[in-house]
Protein backbone atom coordinates (compact mmCIF):
# COMPACT_ATOMS: atom_id res chain seq x y z
CA UNK A 1 -35.58 73.04 13.12
CA UNK A 2 -36.57 69.90 15.03
CA UNK A 3 -34.73 66.64 14.60
CA UNK A 4 -36.62 63.50 13.66
CA UNK A 5 -36.51 59.76 13.88
CA UNK A 6 -37.84 57.02 11.62
CA UNK A 7 -38.60 53.82 13.49
CA UNK A 8 -39.97 50.33 12.89
CA UNK A 9 -42.14 48.48 15.40
CA UNK A 10 -43.06 44.81 15.16
CA UNK A 11 -45.02 42.12 16.95
CA UNK A 12 -43.41 39.26 18.90
CA UNK A 13 -43.34 36.90 15.90
CA UNK A 14 -41.96 39.63 13.59
CA UNK A 15 -44.75 38.99 11.09
CA UNK A 16 -46.03 42.59 11.04
CA UNK A 17 -44.02 45.79 10.59
CA UNK A 18 -45.10 49.34 11.38
CA UNK A 19 -43.03 52.29 10.15
CA UNK A 20 -43.42 55.65 11.81
CA UNK A 21 -41.72 59.01 12.31
CA UNK A 22 -41.41 61.09 15.47
CA UNK A 23 -39.43 63.86 17.10
CA UNK A 24 -39.35 61.98 20.44
CA UNK A 25 -38.68 58.25 20.03
CA UNK A 26 -38.84 57.32 23.72
CA UNK A 27 -42.25 58.95 24.18
CA UNK A 28 -43.57 57.48 20.94
CA UNK A 29 -42.53 53.92 21.84
CA UNK A 30 -44.26 54.35 25.21
CA UNK A 31 -47.41 55.53 23.42
CA UNK A 32 -47.40 52.42 21.23
CA UNK A 33 -46.91 50.18 24.26
CA UNK A 34 -49.75 51.89 26.12
CA UNK A 35 -52.10 51.44 23.16
CA UNK A 36 -52.31 55.14 22.32
CA UNK A 37 -49.65 55.17 19.56
CA UNK A 38 -51.83 54.07 16.68
CA UNK A 39 -54.76 51.80 16.00
CA UNK A 40 -52.59 49.67 13.71
CA UNK A 41 -49.95 48.90 16.34
CA UNK A 42 -52.63 48.10 18.91
CA UNK A 43 -54.55 45.84 16.53
CA UNK A 44 -51.45 43.87 15.46
CA UNK A 45 -49.58 44.04 18.82
CA UNK A 46 -46.58 45.88 17.35
CA UNK A 47 -44.96 46.83 20.65
CA UNK A 48 -41.29 45.98 19.97
CA UNK A 49 -38.92 48.61 18.56
CA UNK A 50 -36.68 46.76 16.11
CA UNK A 51 -35.10 49.59 14.08
CA UNK A 52 -34.60 53.36 14.14
CA UNK A 53 -32.67 56.11 12.33
CA UNK A 54 -32.12 59.65 13.62
CA UNK A 55 -32.08 62.69 11.32
CA UNK A 56 -31.19 66.33 12.01
CA UNK A 57 -34.44 67.46 10.37
CA UNK A 58 -37.99 66.15 10.81
CA UNK A 59 -38.59 66.97 7.13
CA UNK A 60 -35.80 64.58 6.11
CA UNK A 61 -37.14 61.94 8.51
CA UNK A 62 -40.62 62.19 6.97
CA UNK A 63 -39.16 61.78 3.49
CA UNK A 64 -37.26 58.67 4.66
CA UNK A 65 -40.43 57.25 6.25
CA UNK A 66 -42.29 57.62 2.95
CA UNK A 67 -39.41 55.94 1.13
CA UNK A 68 -39.33 52.98 3.51
CA UNK A 69 -43.10 52.51 3.35
CA UNK A 70 -42.75 51.98 -0.40
CA UNK A 71 -40.09 49.30 -0.03
CA UNK A 72 -40.74 45.57 -0.40
CA UNK A 73 -40.88 43.62 2.86
CA UNK A 74 -37.61 41.80 2.04
CA UNK A 75 -35.80 45.12 1.63
CA UNK A 76 -37.12 46.30 5.01
CA UNK A 77 -36.05 43.08 6.73
CA UNK A 78 -32.57 43.34 5.17
CA UNK A 79 -32.28 46.95 6.38
CA UNK A 80 -33.34 45.98 9.90
CA UNK A 81 -30.95 43.00 9.98
CA UNK A 82 -28.06 45.22 8.85
CA UNK A 83 -28.24 46.88 12.29
CA UNK A 84 -30.19 44.34 14.39
CA UNK A 85 -29.26 40.87 13.12
CA UNK A 86 -31.40 38.99 15.65
CA UNK A 87 -34.42 41.32 15.37
CA UNK A 88 -34.27 42.05 19.10
CA UNK A 89 -36.46 44.61 20.83
CA UNK A 90 -34.34 47.78 21.08
CA UNK A 91 -36.65 49.69 23.43
CA UNK A 92 -34.12 49.61 26.28
CA UNK A 93 -31.55 51.37 24.10
CA UNK A 94 -33.85 54.41 23.84
CA UNK A 95 -34.81 54.49 27.52
CA UNK A 96 -37.96 52.36 27.53
CA UNK A 97 -38.09 49.49 29.98
CA UNK A 98 -38.94 46.19 28.27
């Protein structure tokens, strides 16, 4: 079974969050940056990777994505800050040049 990753993209001002799931985080971040990832991320300029979680199963990752999408914004921000206190772009840590 394929592994999966839940990730959160944001714009430069961190006013908009996009939650997604993928089996290849590096490729997916590149798609978002190139404008082919999703219409939402292109429209709101969500090109910075600010959070991600890996899972051994894509099914589990999809379930986690659905859970996070139902969370309040404050809960999401607290989760992100628990790993990324300064809300920095983490793209370099997954092999994407900033």
